[in-house]
Amino acid sequence: MGRTVVESKFSKGKVNNEIELCRVSDKDIKTAVERALLGERISYFIKWEKPGFFSGDKKDSCIFCVNEWQAEAAEKAISDLGDEIESKIKYIMKRTEKPLF
């Protein structure tokens, strides 16, 4: 007896609906943002950036990326951390340029 495989029309296309939400350079701020996003059940991934050779910044930074449909909730979760933490975060709010796969 043969098996019937049913594919949805969604499984054939690749979706890239993530946006780069914000850039963080401080390890403690990164941890606070991660906890805030996890507390609100917001899915995210982190892209790491190494400083350029001629860059004045010597620290690695990371970019938090979220689904565009969760961007507003993610921004609220971060703003709820307070002005002191939010002032150390640079919002980017642009679509990711490189596909994930």
PDB file of N, CA and C in Angstrom:
ATOM      1  N   MET A   1       0.837  -1.159   0.000  1.00  0.00           N
ATOM      2  CA  MET A   1       0.000   0.000   0.000  1.00  0.00           C
ATOM      3  C   MET A   1       0.896   1.241   0.000  1.00  0.00           C
ATOM      4  N   GLY A   2       0.654   2.164  -0.884  1.00  0.00           N
ATOM      5  CA  GLY A   2       1.465   3.373  -1.003  1.00  0.00           C
ATOM      6  C   GLY A   2       1.061   4.436   0.006  1.00  0.00           C
ATOM      7  N   ARG A   3       2.029   5.261   0.352  1.00  0.00           N
ATOM      8  CA  ARG A   3       1.751   6.375   1.266  1.00  0.00           C
ATOM      9  C   ARG A   3       1.440   7.614   0.454  1.00  0.00           C
ATOM     10  N   THR A   4       0.501   8.360   0.911  1.00  0.00           N
ATOM     11  CA  THR A   4       0.164   9.617   0.279  1.00  0.00           C
ATOM     12  C   THR A   4       0.849  10.736   1.040  1.00  0.00           C
ATOM     13  N   VAL A   5       1.633  11.538   0.320  1.00  0.00           N
ATOM     14  CA  VAL A   5       2.323  12.660   0.938  1.00  0.00           C
ATOM     15  C   VAL A   5       1.605  13.926   0.517  1.00  0.00           C
ATOM     16  N   VAL A   6       1.210  14.697   1.496  1.00  0.00           N
ATOM     17  CA  VAL A   6       0.500  15.935   1.227  1.00  0.00           C
ATOM     18  C   VAL A   6       1.423  17.090   1.588  1.00  0.00           C
ATOM     19  N   GLU A   7       1.680  17.937   0.622  1.00  0.00           N
ATOM     20  CA  GLU A   7       2.503  19.121   0.865  1.00  0.00           C
ATOM     21  C   GLU A   7       1.622  20.347   0.806  1.00  0.00           C
ATOM     22  N   SER A   8       1.844  21.229   1.733  1.00  0.00           N
ATOM     23  CA  SER A   8       1.088  22.473   1.661  1.00  0.00           C
ATOM     24  C   SER A   8       1.810  23.418   0.706  1.00  0.00           C
ATOM     25  N   LYS A   9       1.097  24.394   0.246  1.00  0.00           N
ATOM     26  CA  LYS A   9       1.721  25.360  -0.654  1.00  0.00           C
ATOM     27  C   LYS A   9       2.757  26.199   0.079  1.00  0.00           C
ATOM     28  N   PHE A  10       2.705  26.213   1.412  1.00  0.00           N
ATOM     29  CA  PHE A  10       3.655  26.991   2.200  1.00  0.00           C
ATOM     30  C   PHE A  10       5.008  26.298   2.338  1.00  0.00           C
ATOM     31  N   SER A  11       5.050  24.977   2.199  1.00  0.00           N
ATOM     32  CA  SER A  11       6.295  24.259   2.410  1.00  0.00           C
ATOM     33  C   SER A  11       7.260  24.389   1.235  1.00  0.00           C
ATOM     34  N   LYS A  12       6.809  24.868   0.100  1.00  0.00           N
ATOM     35  CA  LYS A  12       7.663  24.964  -1.078  1.00  0.00           C
ATOM     36  C   LYS A  12       8.478  26.252  -1.128  1.00  0.00           C
ATOM     37  N   GLY A  13       7.988  27.281  -0.530  1.00  0.00           N
ATOM     38  CA  GLY A  13       8.677  28.569  -0.604  1.00  0.00           C
ATOM     39  C   GLY A  13       9.458  28.881   0.655  1.00  0.00           C
ATOM     40  N   LYS A  14      10.553  29.595   0.485  1.00  0.00           N
ATOM     41  CA  LYS A  14      11.331  30.042   1.628  1.00  0.00           C
ATOM     42  C   LYS A  14      10.795  31.388   2.081  1.00  0.00           C
ATOM     43  N   VAL A  15      10.704  31.554   3.365  1.00  0.00           N
ATOM     44  CA  VAL A  15      10.158  32.783   3.923  1.00  0.00           C
ATOM     45  C   VAL A  15      11.267  33.510   4.663  1.00  0.00           C
ATOM     46  N   ASN A  16      11.388  34.778   4.398  1.00  0.00           N
ATOM     47  CA  ASN A  16      12.361  35.594   5.111  1.00  0.00           C
ATOM     48  C   ASN A  16      11.622  36.813   5.646  1.00  0.00           C
ATOM     49  N   ASN A  17      11.009  36.630   6.805  1.00  0.00           N
ATOM     50  CA  ASN A  17      10.227  37.735   7.365  1.00  0.00           C
ATOM     51  C   ASN A  17      10.814  38.221   8.692  1.00  0.00           C
ATOM     52  N   GLU A  18      12.136  38.076   8.838  1.00  0.00           N
ATOM     53  CA  GLU A  18      12.794  38.558  10.040  1.00  0.00           C
ATOM     54  C   GLU A  18      13.317  39.973   9.824  1.00  0.00           C
ATOM     55  N   ILE A  19      13.327  40.730  10.909  1.00  0.00           N
ATOM     56  CA  ILE A  19      13.922  42.062  10.855  1.00  0.00           C
ATOM     57  C   ILE A  19      15.028  42.143  11.901  1.00  0.00           C
ATOM     58  N   GLU A  20      16.005  42.984  11.610  1.00  0.00           N
ATOM     59  CA  GLU A  20      17.042  43.277  12.581  1.00  0.00           C
ATOM     60  C   GLU A  20      16.449  44.311  13.530  1.00  0.00           C
ATOM     61  N   LEU A  21      16.184  43.914  14.743  1.00  0.00           N
ATOM     62  CA  LEU A  21      15.502  44.777  15.701  1.00  0.00           C
ATOM     63  C   LEU A  21      16.454  45.794  16.320  1.00  0.00           C
ATOM     64  N   CYS A  22      17.550  45.306  16.909  1.00  0.00           N
ATOM     65  CA  CYS A  22      18.448  46.228  17.605  1.00  0.00           C
ATOM     66  C   CYS A  22      19.853  45.648  17.719  1.00  0.00           C
ATOM     67  N   ARG A  23      20.807  46.540  17.973  1.00  0.00           N
ATOM     68  CA  ARG A  23      22.212  46.174  18.148  1.00  0.00           C
ATOM     69  C   ARG A  23      22.596  46.437  19.601  1.00  0.00           C
ATOM     70  N   VAL A  24      23.322  45.489  20.185  1.00  0.00           N
ATOM     71  CA  VAL A  24      23.757  45.586  21.579  1.00  0.00           C
ATOM     72  C   VAL A  24      25.241  45.240  21.643  1.00  0.00           C
ATOM     73  N   SER A  25      26.001  46.033  22.398  1.00  0.00           N
ATOM     74  CA  SER A  25      27.438  45.783  22.548  1.00  0.00           C
ATOM     75  C   SER A  25      27.822  45.341  23.956  1.00  0.00           C
ATOM     76  N   ASP A  26      26.953  45.557  24.922  1.00  0.00           N
ATOM     77  CA  ASP A  26      27.250  45.241  26.314  1.00  0.00           C
ATOM     78  C   ASP A  26      26.667  43.870  26.683  1.00  0.00           C
ATOM     79  N   LYS A  27      27.482  43.027  27.320  1.00  0.00           N
ATOM     80  CA  LYS A  27      27.069  41.668  27.662  1.00  0.00           C
ATOM     81  C   LYS A  27      25.879  41.657  28.630  1.00  0.00           C
ATOM     82  N   ASP A  28      25.884  42.536  29.619  1.00  0.00           N
ATOM     83  CA  ASP A  28      24.781  42.583  30.586  1.00  0.00           C
ATOM     84  C   ASP A  28      23.482  43.060  29.939  1.00  0.00           C
ATOM     85  N   ILE A  29      23.586  43.997  29.012  1.00  0.00           N
ATOM     86  CA  ILE A  29      22.403  44.488  28.293  1.00  0.00           C
ATOM     87  C   ILE A  29      21.857  43.378  27.402  1.00  0.00           C
ATOM     88  N   LYS A  30      22.752  42.630  26.760  1.00  0.00           N
ATOM     89  CA  LYS A  30      22.343  41.500  25.922  1.00  0.00           C
ATOM     90  C   LYS A  30      21.531  40.505  26.738  1.00  0.00           C
ATOM     91  N   THR A  31      22.020  40.186  27.928  1.00  0.00           N
ATOM     92  CA  THR A  31      21.313  39.247  28.801  1.00  0.00           C
ATOM     93  C   THR A  31      19.945  39.790  29.195  1.00  0.00           C
ATOM     94  N   ALA A  32      19.863  41.075  29.506  1.00  0.00           N
ATOM     95  CA  ALA A  32      18.584  41.687  29.882  1.00  0.00           C
ATOM     96  C   ALA A  32      17.586  41.636  28.722  1.00  0.00           C
ATOM     97  N   VAL A  33      18.062  41.920  27.507  1.00  0.00           N
ATOM     98  CA  VAL A  33      17.179  41.878  26.329  1.00  0.00           C
ATOM     99  C   VAL A  33      16.709  40.453  26.084  1.00  0.00           C
ATOM    100  N   GLU A  34      17.610  39.487  26.195  1.00  0.00           N
ATOM    101  CA  GLU A  34      17.219  38.086  26.011  1.00  0.00           C
ATOM    102  C   GLU A  34      16.128  37.682  27.002  1.00  0.00           C
ATOM    103  N   ARG A  35      16.309  38.053  28.261  1.00  0.00           N
ATOM    104  CA  ARG A  35      15.314  37.711  29.286  1.00  0.00           C
ATOM    105  C   ARG A  35      13.974  38.385  29.006  1.00  0.00           C
ATOM    106  N   ALA A  36      14.017  39.634  28.554  1.00  0.00           N
ATOM    107  CA  ALA A  36      12.780  40.346  28.243  1.00  0.00           C
ATOM    108  C   ALA A  36      12.032  39.680  27.095  1.00  0.00           C
ATOM    109  N   LEU A  37      12.758  39.296  26.053  1.00  0.00           N
ATOM    110  CA  LEU A  37      12.117  38.643  24.908  1.00  0.00           C
ATOM    111  C   LEU A  37      11.579  37.267  25.283  1.00  0.00           C
ATOM    112  N   LEU A  38      12.377  36.507  26.031  1.00  0.00           N
ATOM    113  CA  LEU A  38      11.913  35.189  26.455  1.00  0.00           C
ATOM    114  C   LEU A  38      10.708  35.295  27.389  1.00  0.00           C
ATOM    115  N   GLY A  39      10.707  36.302  28.248  1.00  0.00           N
ATOM    116  CA  GLY A  39       9.587  36.516  29.163  1.00  0.00           C
ATOM    117  C   GLY A  39       8.283  36.794  28.445  1.00  0.00           C
ATOM    118  N   GLU A  40       8.376  37.390  27.263  1.00  0.00           N
ATOM    119  CA  GLU A  40       7.185  37.680  26.460  1.00  0.00           C
ATOM    120  C   GLU A  40       6.946  36.615  25.388  1.00  0.00           C
ATOM    121  N   ARG A  41       7.737  35.552  25.435  1.00  0.00           N
ATOM    122  CA  ARG A  41       7.648  34.436  24.471  1.00  0.00           C
ATOM    123  C   ARG A  41       7.835  34.905  23.035  1.00  0.00           C
ATOM    124  N   ILE A  42       8.803  35.775  22.856  1.00  0.00           N
ATOM    125  CA  ILE A  42       9.119  36.296  21.530  1.00  0.00           C
ATOM    126  C   ILE A  42      10.322  35.534  20.987  1.00  0.00           C
ATOM    127  N   SER A  43      10.132  34.916  19.858  1.00  0.00           N
ATOM    128  CA  SER A  43      11.187  34.154  19.213  1.00  0.00           C
ATOM    129  C   SER A  43      12.205  35.116  18.600  1.00  0.00           C
ATOM    130  N   TYR A  44      13.489  34.806  18.751  1.00  0.00           N
ATOM    131  CA  TYR A  44      14.538  35.673  18.219  1.00  0.00           C
ATOM    132  C   TYR A  44      15.762  34.851  17.851  1.00  0.00           C
ATOM    133  N   PHE A  45      16.645  35.446  17.097  1.00  0.00           N
ATOM    134  CA  PHE A  45      17.976  34.878  16.922  1.00  0.00           C
ATOM    135  C   PHE A  45      18.963  36.020  16.938  1.00  0.00           C
ATOM    136  N   ILE A  46      20.218  35.677  17.174  1.00  0.00           N
ATOM    137  CA  ILE A  46      21.270  36.680  17.321  1.00  0.00           C
ATOM    138  C   ILE A  46      22.297  36.508  16.217  1.00  0.00           C
ATOM    139  N   LYS A  47      22.648  37.619  15.591  1.00  0.00           N
ATOM    140  CA  LYS A  47      23.756  37.651  14.631  1.00  0.00           C
ATOM    141  C   LYS A  47      24.908  38.384  15.307  1.00  0.00           C
ATOM    142  N   TRP A  48      26.087  37.787  15.288  1.00  0.00           N
ATOM    143  CA  TRP A  48      27.253  38.413  15.919  1.00  0.00           C
ATOM    144  C   TRP A  48      28.043  39.193  14.887  1.00  0.00           C
ATOM    145  N   GLU A  49      28.518  40.354  15.298  1.00  0.00           N
ATOM    146  CA  GLU A  49      29.352  41.200  14.440  1.00  0.00           C
ATOM    147  C   GLU A  49      30.690  41.412  15.118  1.00  0.00           C
ATOM    148  N   LYS A  50      31.733  41.179  14.387  1.00  0.00           N
ATOM    149  CA  LYS A  50      33.079  41.475  14.872  1.00  0.00           C
ATOM    150  C   LYS A  50      33.409  42.903  14.463  1.00  0.00           C
ATOM    151  N   PRO A  51      34.144  43.632  15.302  1.00  0.00           N
ATOM    152  CA  PRO A  51      34.515  44.999  14.909  1.00  0.00           C
ATOM    153  C   PRO A  51      35.484  44.967  13.734  1.00  0.00           C
ATOM    154  N   GLY A  52      35.370  45.943  12.852  1.00  0.00           N
ATOM    155  CA  GLY A  52      36.274  46.041  11.718  1.00  0.00           C
ATOM    156  C   GLY A  52      37.688  46.383  12.168  1.00  0.00           C
ATOM    157  N   PHE A  53      38.646  46.101  11.328  1.00  0.00           N
ATOM    158  CA  PHE A  53      40.049  46.332  11.663  1.00  0.00           C
ATOM    159  C   PHE A  53      40.314  47.798  11.980  1.00  0.00           C
ATOM    160  N   PHE A  54      39.718  48.689  11.209  1.00  0.00           N
ATOM    161  CA  PHE A  54      39.929  50.121  11.399  1.00  0.00           C
ATOM    162  C   PHE A  54      38.852  50.773  12.260  1.00  0.00           C
ATOM    163  N   SER A  55      37.970  49.963  12.808  1.00  0.00           N
ATOM    164  CA  SER A  55      36.889  50.479  13.643  1.00  0.00           C
ATOM    165  C   SER A  55      37.436  50.961  14.984  1.00  0.00           C
ATOM    166  N   GLY A  56      36.881  52.034  15.494  1.00  0.00           N
ATOM    167  CA  GLY A  56      37.278  52.536  16.804  1.00  0.00           C
ATOM    168  C   GLY A  56      36.718  51.672  17.928  1.00  0.00           C
ATOM    169  N   ASP A  57      35.661  50.909  17.625  1.00  0.00           N
ATOM    170  CA  ASP A  57      35.032  50.049  18.627  1.00  0.00           C
ATOM    171  C   ASP A  57      35.758  48.717  18.669  1.00  0.00           C
ATOM    172  N   LYS A  58      36.185  48.310  19.834  1.00  0.00           N
ATOM    173  CA  LYS A  58      36.934  47.061  19.968  1.00  0.00           C
ATOM    174  C   LYS A  58      36.085  45.909  20.481  1.00  0.00           C
ATOM    175  N   LYS A  59      34.806  46.159  20.770  1.00  0.00           N
ATOM    176  CA  LYS A  59      33.936  45.117  21.301  1.00  0.00           C
ATOM    177  C   LYS A  59      33.112  44.474  20.196  1.00  0.00           C
ATOM    178  N   ASP A  60      32.850  43.181  20.376  1.00  0.00           N
ATOM    179  CA  ASP A  60      31.894  42.509  19.502  1.00  0.00           C
ATOM    180  C   ASP A  60      30.509  43.059  19.833  1.00  0.00           C
ATOM    181  N   SER A  61      29.648  43.066  18.846  1.00  0.00           N
ATOM    182  CA  SER A  61      28.264  43.445  19.105  1.00  0.00           C
ATOM    183  C   SER A  61      27.359  42.373  18.516  1.00  0.00           C
ATOM    184  N   CYS A  62      26.131  42.353  18.979  1.00  0.00           N
ATOM    185  CA  CYS A  62      25.183  41.389  18.443  1.00  0.00           C
ATOM    186  C   CYS A  62      23.926  42.126  18.002  1.00  0.00           C
ATOM    187  N   ILE A  63      23.283  41.525  17.032  1.00  0.00           N
ATOM    188  CA  ILE A  63      22.033  42.077  16.508  1.00  0.00           C
ATOM    189  C   ILE A  63      20.924  41.082  16.814  1.00  0.00           C
ATOM    190  N   PHE A  64      19.895  41.568  17.501  1.00  0.00           N
ATOM    191  CA  PHE A  64      18.732  40.740  17.777  1.00  0.00           C
ATOM    192  C   PHE A  64      17.797  40.821  16.582  1.00  0.00           C
ATOM    193  N   CYS A  65      17.411  39.668  16.059  1.00  0.00           N
ATOM    194  CA  CYS A  65      16.482  39.595  14.932  1.00  0.00           C
ATOM    195  C   CYS A  65      15.208  38.889  15.390  1.00  0.00           C
ATOM    196  N   VAL A  66      14.075  39.440  14.997  1.00  0.00           N
ATOM    197  CA  VAL A  66      12.781  38.869  15.358  1.00  0.00           C
ATOM    198  C   VAL A  66      11.891  38.824  14.125  1.00  0.00           C
ATOM    199  N   ASN A  67      10.830  38.047  14.225  1.00  0.00           N
ATOM    200  CA  ASN A  67       9.838  38.015  13.166  1.00  0.00           C
ATOM    201  C   ASN A  67       9.181  39.388  13.091  1.00  0.00           C
ATOM    202  N   GLU A  68       8.949  39.873  11.886  1.00  0.00           N
ATOM    203  CA  GLU A  68       8.388  41.214  11.729  1.00  0.00           C
ATOM    204  C   GLU A  68       7.038  41.372  12.421  1.00  0.00           C
ATOM    205  N   TRP A  69       6.294  40.284  12.597  1.00  0.00           N
ATOM    206  CA  TRP A  69       4.991  40.363  13.249  1.00  0.00           C
ATOM    207  C   TRP A  69       5.130  40.504  14.760  1.00  0.00           C
ATOM    208  N   GLN A  70       6.325  40.226  15.293  1.00  0.00           N
ATOM    209  CA  GLN A  70       6.548  40.351  16.731  1.00  0.00           C
ATOM    210  C   GLN A  70       7.402  41.576  17.069  1.00  0.00           C
ATOM    211  N   ALA A  71       7.749  42.374  16.092  1.00  0.00           N
ATOM    212  CA  ALA A  71       8.651  43.512  16.310  1.00  0.00           C
ATOM    213  C   ALA A  71       8.084  44.516  17.309  1.00  0.00           C
ATOM    214  N   GLU A  72       6.824  44.829  17.194  1.00  0.00           N
ATOM    215  CA  GLU A  72       6.222  45.816  18.101  1.00  0.00           C
ATOM    216  C   GLU A  72       6.233  45.307  19.546  1.00  0.00           C
ATOM    217  N   ALA A  73       5.890  44.035  19.734  1.00  0.00           N
ATOM    218  CA  ALA A  73       5.902  43.443  21.077  1.00  0.00           C
ATOM    219  C   ALA A  73       7.326  43.376  21.625  1.00  0.00           C
ATOM    220  N   ALA A  74       8.288  43.090  20.754  1.00  0.00           N
ATOM    221  CA  ALA A  74       9.690  43.030  21.178  1.00  0.00           C
ATOM    222  C   ALA A  74      10.184  44.413  21.597  1.00  0.00           C
ATOM    223  N   GLU A  75       9.828  45.412  20.830  1.00  0.00           N
ATOM    224  CA  GLU A  75      10.228  46.779  21.167  1.00  0.00           C
ATOM    225  C   GLU A  75       9.617  47.211  22.507  1.00  0.00           C
ATOM    226  N   LYS A  76       8.388  46.832  22.751  1.00  0.00           N
ATOM    227  CA  LYS A  76       7.737  47.151  24.024  1.00  0.00           C
ATOM    228  C   LYS A  76       8.429  46.428  25.173  1.00  0.00           C
ATOM    229  N   ALA A  77       8.755  45.150  24.980  1.00  0.00           N
ATOM    230  CA  ALA A  77       9.421  44.380  26.028  1.00  0.00           C
ATOM    231  C   ALA A  77      10.759  45.017  26.397  1.00  0.00           C
ATOM    232  N   ILE A  78      11.478  45.512  25.390  1.00  0.00           N
ATOM    233  CA  ILE A  78      12.764  46.164  25.646  1.00  0.00           C
ATOM    234  C   ILE A  78      12.553  47.510  26.339  1.00  0.00           C
ATOM    235  N   SER A  79      11.562  48.274  25.893  1.00  0.00           N
ATOM    236  CA  SER A  79      11.326  49.581  26.515  1.00  0.00           C
ATOM    237  C   SER A  79      10.886  49.431  27.973  1.00  0.00           C
ATOM    238  N   ASP A  80      10.245  48.308  28.301  1.00  0.00           N
ATOM    239  CA  ASP A  80       9.832  48.052  29.682  1.00  0.00           C
ATOM    240  C   ASP A  80      11.028  47.818  30.611  1.00  0.00           C
ATOM    241  N   LEU A  81      12.211  47.595  30.038  1.00  0.00           N
ATOM    242  CA  LEU A  81      13.418  47.407  30.855  1.00  0.00           C
ATOM    243  C   LEU A  81      13.871  48.710  31.500  1.00  0.00           C
ATOM    244  N   GLY A  82      13.414  49.832  30.959  1.00  0.00           N
ATOM    245  CA  GLY A  82      13.764  51.129  31.532  1.00  0.00           C
ATOM    246  C   GLY A  82      14.685  51.928  30.632  1.00  0.00           C
ATOM    247  N   ASP A  83      14.703  53.225  30.872  1.00  0.00           N
ATOM    248  CA  ASP A  83      15.473  54.146  30.032  1.00  0.00           C
ATOM    249  C   ASP A  83      16.975  53.906  30.097  1.00  0.00           C
ATOM    250  N   GLU A  84      17.470  53.521  31.268  1.00  0.00           N
ATOM    251  CA  GLU A  84      18.912  53.319  31.412  1.00  0.00           C
ATOM    252  C   GLU A  84      19.415  52.202  30.492  1.00  0.00           C
ATOM    253  N   ILE A  85      18.682  51.110  30.438  1.00  0.00           N
ATOM    254  CA  ILE A  85      19.066  49.994  29.558  1.00  0.00           C
ATOM    255  C   ILE A  85      18.768  50.341  28.113  1.00  0.00           C
ATOM    256  N   GLU A  86      17.599  50.913  27.862  1.00  0.00           N
ATOM    257  CA  GLU A  86      17.210  51.214  26.481  1.00  0.00           C
ATOM    258  C   GLU A  86      18.153  52.234  25.834  1.00  0.00           C
ATOM    259  N   SER A  87      18.750  53.104  26.627  1.00  0.00           N
ATOM    260  CA  SER A  87      19.675  54.096  26.073  1.00  0.00           C
ATOM    261  C   SER A  87      20.964  53.460  25.543  1.00  0.00           C
ATOM    262  N   LYS A  88      21.240  52.220  25.935  1.00  0.00           N
ATOM    263  CA  LYS A  88      22.453  51.522  25.481  1.00  0.00           C
ATOM    264  C   LYS A  88      22.170  50.580  24.317  1.00  0.00           C
ATOM    265  N   ILE A  89      20.970  50.676  23.772  1.00  0.00           N
ATOM    266  CA  ILE A  89      20.546  49.820  22.664  1.00  0.00           C
ATOM    267  C   ILE A  89      20.319  50.685  21.441  1.00  0.00           C
ATOM    268  N   LYS A  90      20.823  50.235  20.311  1.00  0.00           N
ATOM    269  CA  LYS A  90      20.598  50.968  19.068  1.00  0.00           C
ATOM    270  C   LYS A  90      19.566  50.211  18.230  1.00  0.00           C
ATOM    271  N   TYR A  91      18.413  50.824  18.023  1.00  0.00           N
ATOM    272  CA  TYR A  91      17.376  50.191  17.206  1.00  0.00           C
ATOM    273  C   TYR A  91      17.737  50.287  15.731  1.00  0.00           C
ATOM    274  N   ILE A  92      17.516  49.196  15.018  1.00  0.00           N
ATOM    275  CA  ILE A  92      17.818  49.133  13.587  1.00  0.00           C
ATOM    276  C   ILE A  92      16.516  49.090  12.781  1.00  0.00           C
ATOM    277  N   MET A  93      15.657  48.150  13.117  1.00  0.00           N
ATOM    278  CA  MET A  93      14.327  47.992  12.512  1.00  0.00           C
ATOM    279  C   MET A  93      14.369  47.916  10.987  1.00  0.00           C
ATOM    280  N   LYS A  94      15.184  47.010  10.458  1.00  0.00           N
ATOM    281  CA  LYS A  94      15.191  46.801   9.007  1.00  0.00           C
ATOM    282  C   LYS A  94      15.198  45.313   8.714  1.00  0.00           C
ATOM    283  N   ARG A  95      14.713  44.971   7.543  1.00  0.00           N
ATOM    284  CA  ARG A  95      14.637  43.581   7.111  1.00  0.00           C
ATOM    285  C   ARG A  95      16.056  43.000   6.990  1.00  0.00           C
ATOM    286  N   THR A  96      16.209  41.731   7.397  1.00  0.00           N
ATOM    287  CA  THR A  96      17.509  41.084   7.280  1.00  0.00           C
ATOM    288  C   THR A  96      17.874  40.971   5.812  1.00  0.00           C
ATOM    289  N   GLU A  97      19.148  41.184   5.517  1.00  0.00           N
ATOM    290  CA  GLU A  97      19.591  41.207   4.130  1.00  0.00           C
ATOM    291  C   GLU A  97      19.939  39.831   3.595  1.00  0.00           C
ATOM    292  N   LYS A  98      20.477  38.972   4.427  1.00  0.00           N
ATOM    293  CA  LYS A  98      20.906  37.653   3.979  1.00  0.00           C
ATOM    294  C   LYS A  98      19.872  36.611   4.341  1.00  0.00           C
ATOM    295  N   PRO A  99      19.535  35.739   3.398  1.00  0.00           N
ATOM    296  CA  PRO A  99      18.606  34.648   3.740  1.00  0.00           C
ATOM    297  C   PRO A  99      19.273  33.689   4.728  1.00  0.00           C
ATOM    298  N   LEU A 100      18.457  33.049   5.550  1.00  0.00           N
ATOM    299  CA  LEU A 100      18.988  32.159   6.580  1.00  0.00           C
ATOM    300  C   LEU A 100      19.428  30.828   6.027  1.00  0.00           C
ATOM    301  N   PHE A 101      18.871  30.405   4.904  1.00  0.00           N
ATOM    302  CA  PHE A 101      19.240  29.098   4.333  1.00  0.00           C
ATOM    303  C   PHE A 101      19.214  29.165   2.838  1.00  0.00           C
TER     304      PHE A 101
END
